[in-house]
Every structure is written in structure tokens, then in C-alpha cells.
Amino acid sequence: MSVLTNPQLWASTLAMTVPLALPAIGGTFSERAGVVNIAMEGIMLMGAFFAVAFSYWTGSAWLGLVFGVLMGGLLAAVFAWAAIRLAADQVVLGMAVNIFASGLTAFLLNTVFGYEGTPPDTPPLPFVSLPGLGPIFSHQSVLLYVMFAIVVLSHWFLFHTRLGLRIRAVGENPLAADTAGLNVWRLRYIGVIVGGMLSALGGVYLSIGILNSFDVGMTNGRGFIALAAMIFGKWTPVGAFLASLLFGFSTALGVALQGQGVSPDLLSMIPYILTILALTGLVGRSTPPAADGIPYTPIR
């Protein structure tokens, strides 16, 4: 019980939620537009690596963040071109992007920085302590607060703006949207690229948000857990955030319980067990957008 009342547990929960919530919300944008995106793991790696690289080269963590997000958006644009324009199988394509990004970042890490890895003096993003909010919000990465803003803005954008309505329309019924004069392909590109940039921001958080380094495979499956959080959250930004919070809590609890007579290996399995339960629908039925994953050829 004392573990649950420890502020450090809840501070860790928030910290571990960020790299899950950002790609989960990004995946929501993509799939609301009708494109299945399981490439979030690879896009996170790209964002993480190039954030470190540009942070070191420019001496500015903020420029590293910008370039990390842009590189994630660029990779997402390539993914979108193959999925939308070429009508490639989106699941196979997503796995190909993940493998490509994993290999490319490992190659670039050794080629650019050598076997010693990224320099320890790489500038990280600042940590922020908000006065009056207690130890839970003390010394947290600035991207934690960016995440809260993104959750609110994403919900407002998707459900209270005309462009958000159009993106959701092409994910539900692209033929009707096309007949009404909407550019289905353009809207799907927007959804996928915005999703890629948010996924890359999750990778940026891992590399220069809480560390100032990059390691091979440092996302450690978070892109796939984010996919489960998106489904668990029923393809909504708020739902994706709350599901990510649950996964973050399970991870933080596993760490907090280490040394308490419970196997660390068993505890580390908690988020993955939740992922399996979410993906198999055992924690509640989730219905994706009707045209999710279905290629569309415009009639005009």
C-alpha cells in the first residue's frame, strides 16, 4: 500500500506515459484518416536519433527536437505515399518501415558517432518543476506539459473543427467524402504525416527529453504498446492518453515493486500482457473507423 502512496510512483507513471501517449495520439490521426499505421516504432526511432544528432551538431536541444520531428514527418510521408498512392498493404508496409528505421539508425549511430555512441555532452531538453503541484510534477521533462497540450488540442481539432471532421469522414466513408468534393488522398496524407510527427516526438522525448543519448532499439517496443493504447482508447486522443496512462502506471508499478519479493521479469511483462488483452478485445470491444486500412482510388 505504501508503494501506491509514494509520489515517485505517480511521477514515474507520468514520465512513462509520454512516449506512449504521443505516438498513440499520432496513430489516432492516421487511422481516423483511414490508414493503418504500425510503423510508429520505426518512426519513433528516427525521431529519437535525429533529435540527438541535430542537438549535438547545433548545440541546441530545441533545434534537435524540430529536426527529429521533421524527420519523423518525412518518413511518414514516404509511408503515406506507398500506402495511399501505391495502395500497398499497410501492415506489411508498416513492418518494412520499422525494420528499415531500426537498421538505418543502428548504421548511422556507428557511422556518425562510432562505437562509443552519442557524446555525453549532447544538450537535453529542459526539466520543469511547476510550483504548488507537489513532487509528482517536480523535475519533469518539458515534453510532459507539451503532451497535455497535445491531448487537448488533438481532441478539439478532430472533433470540433471542419478539417478534423473531413479527416474523420475519409476514414469512415471515402466514397461519400469524394462525392461531396473532398480530396481524399490529401486528407489521408495530412492524417498520416501529423501522426508521424507526433510519433517522432515520442522518440524525441526518449532521446533528449529524459536522456541525452541514443541507443540501438531504445524504443523497446513502445510503438507497439502505443498501437494497443490507441485501440484501447477507441481511436480518440483522450482515450489514447488514458490508456497510455494505464500502461505507464503498470510499467512504473513494475519498477517500484522490484526488490519486494516479486520477480522483475514477471513485473516487466505487465504492460505487454495488457497490450495482448487490448489487441484481442478482452478489455472491451473497440470498433475502428469503417474504412481503416482500405485503399481508395478517387473517382474524379
Protein backbone atom coordinates (compact mmCIF):
# COMPACT_ATOMS: atom_id res chain seq x y z
CA MET A 1 0.00 0.00 0.00
CA SER A 2 2.91 2.33 0.77
CA VAL A 3 4.04 1.87 -2.80
CA LEU A 4 0.77 3.35 -4.11
CA THR A 5 1.07 6.42 -1.88
CA ASN A 6 4.65 7.11 -2.94
CA PRO A 7 4.70 10.29 -5.10
CA GLN A 8 7.65 8.89 -7.03
CA LEU A 9 5.41 6.11 -8.40
CA TRP A 10 2.99 8.66 -9.87
CA ALA A 11 5.78 10.89 -11.13
CA SER A 12 7.28 7.85 -12.90
CA THR A 13 3.83 6.97 -14.26
CA LEU A 14 3.57 10.37 -15.93
CA ALA A 15 7.12 10.14 -17.25
CA MET A 16 6.48 6.70 -18.75
CA THR A 17 3.16 7.80 -20.25
CA VAL A 18 4.67 10.44 -22.53
CA PRO A 19 6.46 8.13 -25.05
CA LEU A 20 3.27 6.05 -25.29
CA ALA A 21 0.63 8.78 -25.46
CA LEU A 22 2.30 10.85 -28.19
CA PRO A 23 2.55 8.02 -30.78
CA ALA A 24 -0.85 6.67 -29.70
CA ILE A 25 -2.45 10.05 -30.49
CA GLY A 26 -0.41 10.16 -33.70
CA GLY A 27 -1.77 6.75 -34.68
CA THR A 28 -5.26 8.05 -33.97
CA PHE A 29 -4.77 10.79 -36.59
CA SER A 30 -3.55 8.27 -39.16
CA GLU A 31 -6.26 5.69 -38.60
CA ARG A 32 -9.03 8.27 -38.34
CA ALA A 33 -7.96 9.20 -41.87
CA GLY A 34 -8.25 5.56 -42.94
CA VAL A 35 -4.60 4.44 -42.95
CA VAL A 36 -3.41 1.70 -40.58
CA ASN A 37 -0.07 2.76 -39.16
CA ILE A 38 2.01 0.14 -37.35
CA ALA A 39 5.19 2.00 -38.34
CA MET A 40 5.15 4.08 -35.16
CA GLU A 41 8.01 2.08 -33.64
CA GLY A 42 10.31 2.87 -36.55
CA ILE A 43 9.23 6.49 -36.79
CA MET A 44 9.97 6.91 -33.08
CA LEU A 45 13.49 5.59 -33.64
CA MET A 46 14.05 8.05 -36.47
CA GLY A 47 12.84 10.94 -34.34
CA ALA A 48 14.99 9.84 -31.41
CA PHE A 49 18.19 9.50 -33.45
CA PHE A 50 17.94 12.70 -35.45
CA ALA A 51 16.95 14.69 -32.36
CA VAL A 52 20.20 13.62 -30.69
CA ALA A 53 22.24 14.20 -33.84
CA PHE A 54 20.95 17.70 -34.54
CA SER A 55 21.01 18.61 -30.86
CA TYR A 56 24.73 17.76 -30.79
CA TRP A 57 25.58 19.34 -34.16
CA THR A 58 23.73 22.61 -33.49
CA GLY A 59 24.25 22.80 -29.73
CA SER A 60 20.51 23.38 -29.30
CA ALA A 61 18.11 20.75 -27.96
CA TRP A 62 15.19 22.74 -29.39
CA LEU A 63 16.63 22.52 -32.91
CA GLY A 64 17.18 18.82 -32.26
CA LEU A 65 13.50 18.50 -31.39
CA VAL A 66 12.47 20.31 -34.58
CA PHE A 67 14.66 18.19 -36.85
CA GLY A 68 13.67 14.97 -35.06
CA VAL A 69 10.01 15.72 -35.62
CA LEU A 70 10.63 16.75 -39.24
CA MET A 71 12.50 13.51 -39.99
CA GLY A 72 9.62 11.55 -38.50
CA GLY A 73 7.22 13.50 -40.69
CA LEU A 74 9.40 12.81 -43.74
CA LEU A 75 9.43 9.05 -43.11
CA ALA A 76 5.67 9.17 -42.51
CA ALA A 77 5.24 10.98 -45.85
CA VAL A 78 7.08 8.15 -47.63
CA PHE A 79 4.91 5.62 -45.80
CA ALA A 80 1.80 7.60 -46.79
CA TRP A 81 2.86 7.76 -50.45
CA ALA A 82 3.26 3.99 -50.64
CA ALA A 83 0.07 3.27 -48.66
CA ILE A 84 -2.17 5.84 -50.35
CA ARG A 85 -0.78 6.37 -53.85
CA LEU A 86 0.51 2.84 -54.48
CA ALA A 87 -2.18 1.13 -52.38
CA ALA A 88 0.47 -1.11 -50.77
CA ASP A 89 -0.53 -3.50 -47.98
CA GLN A 90 -0.40 -1.17 -44.98
CA VAL A 91 0.51 -3.80 -42.40
CA VAL A 92 3.41 -5.19 -44.44
CA LEU A 93 4.49 -1.65 -45.27
CA GLY A 94 4.47 -0.66 -41.62
CA MET A 95 6.65 -3.61 -40.66
CA ALA A 96 9.03 -2.76 -43.51
CA VAL A 97 9.34 0.81 -42.20
CA ASN A 98 10.06 -0.49 -38.70
CA ILE A 99 12.82 -2.80 -39.95
CA PHE A 100 14.26 -0.09 -42.19
CA ALA A 101 14.33 2.51 -39.41
CA SER A 102 15.88 0.07 -36.95
CA GLY A 103 18.67 -0.81 -39.36
CA LEU A 104 19.23 2.75 -40.56
CA THR A 105 19.52 4.27 -37.08
CA ALA A 106 21.90 1.49 -35.95
CA PHE A 107 24.04 2.08 -39.05
CA LEU A 108 24.04 5.87 -38.64
CA LEU A 109 24.86 5.61 -34.92
CA ASN A 110 28.02 3.62 -35.62
CA THR A 111 28.92 5.58 -38.76
CA VAL A 112 28.41 9.07 -37.37
CA PHE A 113 29.34 8.67 -33.70
CA GLY A 114 31.39 5.46 -33.67
CA TYR A 115 31.18 2.60 -31.22
CA GLU A 116 31.37 4.95 -28.23
CA GLY A 117 27.88 6.20 -29.05
CA THR A 118 26.42 9.67 -28.85
CA PRO A 119 28.55 12.22 -26.93
CA PRO A 120 27.60 12.70 -23.25
CA ASP A 121 27.61 16.50 -23.66
CA THR A 122 24.66 16.43 -26.10
CA PRO A 123 22.23 19.15 -24.93
CA PRO A 124 18.96 17.72 -23.49
CA LEU A 125 15.60 19.43 -23.30
CA PRO A 126 14.97 21.25 -20.00
CA PHE A 127 13.24 19.76 -16.98
CA VAL A 128 10.48 21.83 -15.41
CA SER A 129 9.10 22.00 -11.86
CA LEU A 130 5.72 23.66 -11.53
CA PRO A 131 5.37 25.41 -8.15
CA GLY A 132 2.46 24.32 -5.96
CA LEU A 133 1.84 20.97 -7.71
CA GLY A 134 3.96 18.85 -5.40
CA PRO A 135 6.69 16.28 -6.12
CA ILE A 136 4.66 14.49 -8.82
CA PHE A 137 5.15 17.42 -11.20
CA SER A 138 8.65 18.24 -9.96
CA HIS A 139 11.60 17.95 -12.35
CA GLN A 140 9.58 16.60 -15.26
CA SER A 141 10.59 16.99 -18.90
CA VAL A 142 9.05 19.98 -20.63
CA LEU A 143 7.57 17.50 -23.13
CA LEU A 144 5.25 16.21 -20.40
CA TYR A 145 3.41 19.53 -20.48
CA VAL A 146 3.57 19.59 -24.28
CA MET A 147 1.83 16.20 -24.20
CA PHE A 148 -1.04 17.57 -22.07
CA ALA A 149 -1.48 20.42 -24.57
CA ILE A 150 -1.43 17.97 -27.50
CA VAL A 151 -4.13 15.80 -25.90
CA VAL A 152 -6.47 18.80 -25.57
CA LEU A 153 -5.65 20.31 -28.96
CA SER A 154 -5.95 16.97 -30.76
CA HIS A 155 -9.40 16.34 -29.29
CA TRP A 156 -10.52 19.85 -30.23
CA PHE A 157 -9.04 19.53 -33.73
CA LEU A 158 -10.52 16.13 -34.59
CA PHE A 159 -13.97 16.68 -33.11
CA HIS A 160 -14.58 20.44 -33.23
CA THR A 161 -13.00 21.73 -36.46
CA ARG A 162 -14.02 21.40 -40.11
CA LEU A 163 -10.68 19.87 -41.12
CA GLY A 164 -10.92 17.32 -38.31
CA LEU A 165 -14.42 16.39 -39.44
CA ARG A 166 -13.16 15.92 -43.01
CA ILE A 167 -10.27 13.72 -41.87
CA ARG A 168 -12.70 11.52 -39.95
CA ALA A 169 -15.04 11.46 -42.96
CA VAL A 170 -12.42 9.98 -45.30
CA GLY A 171 -11.68 7.35 -42.69
CA GLU A 172 -15.31 6.33 -42.41
CA ASN A 173 -16.63 6.64 -45.96
CA PRO A 174 -14.11 7.87 -48.55
CA LEU A 175 -16.55 7.43 -51.45
CA ALA A 176 -19.11 9.72 -49.83
CA ALA A 177 -16.39 12.22 -48.95
CA ASP A 178 -15.09 12.13 -52.52
CA THR A 179 -18.59 12.59 -53.90
CA ALA A 180 -19.00 15.62 -51.62
CA GLY A 181 -15.92 17.18 -53.21
CA LEU A 182 -13.28 16.38 -50.60
CA ASN A 183 -9.76 15.46 -51.68
CA VAL A 184 -9.49 12.03 -50.03
CA TRP A 185 -5.83 11.47 -50.76
CA ARG A 186 -4.76 14.90 -49.47
CA LEU A 187 -6.68 14.44 -46.23
CA ARG A 188 -5.18 11.00 -45.72
CA TYR A 189 -1.69 12.41 -46.29
CA ILE A 190 -2.38 15.04 -43.61
CA GLY A 191 -3.54 12.41 -41.13
CA VAL A 192 -0.54 10.14 -41.67
CA ILE A 193 2.07 12.92 -41.63
CA VAL A 194 0.65 14.54 -38.49
CA GLY A 195 0.62 11.08 -36.92
CA GLY A 196 4.24 10.52 -37.93
CA MET A 197 5.35 13.83 -36.43
CA LEU A 198 3.65 13.03 -33.12
CA SER A 199 5.22 9.56 -33.11
CA ALA A 200 8.63 11.11 -33.75
CA LEU A 201 8.02 13.50 -30.85
CA GLY A 202 7.61 10.43 -28.64
CA GLY A 203 11.04 9.28 -29.80
CA VAL A 204 12.48 12.75 -29.19
CA TYR A 205 11.25 12.50 -25.60
CA LEU A 206 13.18 9.27 -25.11
CA SER A 207 16.46 10.59 -26.52
CA ILE A 208 16.77 14.24 -25.48
CA GLY A 209 13.71 14.57 -23.24
CA ILE A 210 14.77 12.25 -20.43
CA LEU A 211 18.28 11.28 -21.62
CA ASN A 212 20.82 12.98 -23.81
CA SER A 213 21.78 9.95 -25.83
CA PHE A 214 20.58 7.43 -28.40
CA ASP A 215 20.95 3.67 -28.25
CA VAL A 216 20.06 0.97 -30.78
CA GLY A 217 16.42 -0.11 -30.37
CA MET A 218 15.90 2.30 -27.48
CA THR A 219 12.13 2.50 -28.12
CA ASN A 220 11.96 -1.12 -26.88
CA GLY A 221 8.53 -1.89 -28.35
CA ARG A 222 6.83 1.30 -27.15
CA GLY A 223 5.48 1.93 -30.66
CA PHE A 224 3.56 -1.34 -30.50
CA ILE A 225 2.29 -0.63 -26.98
CA ALA A 226 1.15 2.77 -28.28
CA LEU A 227 -0.74 0.93 -31.02
CA ALA A 228 -2.54 -1.07 -28.35
CA ALA A 229 -3.23 2.12 -26.37
CA MET A 230 -4.77 3.68 -29.45
CA ILE A 231 -7.10 0.70 -29.89
CA PHE A 232 -7.80 0.53 -26.15
CA GLY A 233 -8.63 4.24 -26.29
CA LYS A 234 -11.12 3.64 -29.10
CA TRP A 235 -9.30 5.85 -31.62
CA THR A 236 -9.77 9.09 -29.65
CA PRO A 237 -6.98 11.38 -28.33
CA VAL A 238 -8.33 11.44 -24.78
CA GLY A 239 -8.93 7.69 -24.77
CA ALA A 240 -5.45 7.04 -26.17
CA PHE A 241 -3.95 9.23 -23.42
CA LEU A 242 -5.88 7.47 -20.65
CA ALA A 243 -4.91 4.05 -21.99
CA SER A 244 -1.28 5.18 -22.18
CA LEU A 245 -1.58 6.35 -18.59
CA LEU A 246 -2.66 2.83 -17.62
CA PHE A 247 0.28 1.28 -19.47
CA GLY A 248 2.62 3.88 -17.92
CA PHE A 249 1.30 3.05 -14.47
CA SER A 250 1.78 -0.68 -14.99
CA THR A 251 5.39 -0.08 -16.05
CA ALA A 252 6.09 2.28 -13.14
CA LEU A 253 4.47 -0.15 -10.71
CA GLY A 254 6.65 -2.97 -12.02
CA VAL A 255 9.75 -0.87 -11.36
CA ALA A 256 8.52 0.21 -7.91
CA LEU A 257 7.81 -3.37 -6.82
CA GLN A 258 11.27 -4.62 -7.70
CA GLY A 259 13.03 -5.84 -4.58
CA GLN A 260 9.69 -6.63 -2.91
CA GLY A 261 9.88 -10.37 -3.46
CA VAL A 262 8.27 -10.33 -6.90
CA SER A 263 10.17 -11.50 -9.96
CA PRO A 264 11.38 -8.47 -12.01
CA ASP A 265 10.85 -10.48 -15.21
CA LEU A 266 7.24 -11.12 -14.25
CA LEU A 267 6.68 -7.44 -13.45
CA SER A 268 8.21 -6.33 -16.73
CA MET A 269 5.62 -8.44 -18.54
CA ILE A 270 2.67 -6.40 -17.18
CA PRO A 271 2.46 -3.79 -19.99
CA TYR A 272 2.83 -6.47 -22.66
CA ILE A 273 0.08 -8.60 -21.08
CA LEU A 274 -2.16 -5.53 -21.12
CA THR A 275 -1.20 -5.00 -24.77
CA ILE A 276 -2.27 -8.54 -25.69
CA LEU A 277 -5.54 -8.14 -23.80
CA ALA A 278 -6.23 -4.84 -25.55
CA LEU A 279 -5.44 -6.18 -29.02
CA THR A 280 -7.56 -9.29 -28.54
CA GLY A 281 -10.52 -7.22 -27.39
CA LEU A 282 -10.72 -8.84 -23.95
CA VAL A 283 -10.86 -5.46 -22.21
CA GLY A 284 -13.76 -4.11 -24.23
CA ARG A 285 -14.90 -4.08 -27.81
CA SER A 286 -13.32 -1.40 -29.99
CA THR A 287 -14.63 -0.53 -33.42
CA PRO A 288 -12.15 1.09 -35.80
CA PRO A 289 -13.09 3.65 -38.46
CA ALA A 290 -15.09 1.85 -41.16
CA ALA A 291 -12.56 2.44 -43.97
CA ASP A 292 -9.46 1.96 -41.83
CA GLY A 293 -6.80 0.16 -43.85
CA ILE A 294 -8.82 0.13 -47.07
CA PRO A 295 -7.07 1.82 -50.05
CA TYR A 296 -9.19 4.21 -52.08
CA THR A 297 -8.92 5.39 -55.68
CA PRO A 298 -10.60 8.78 -56.27
CA ILE A 299 -13.46 8.81 -58.77
CA ARG A 300 -12.57 12.27 -60.10
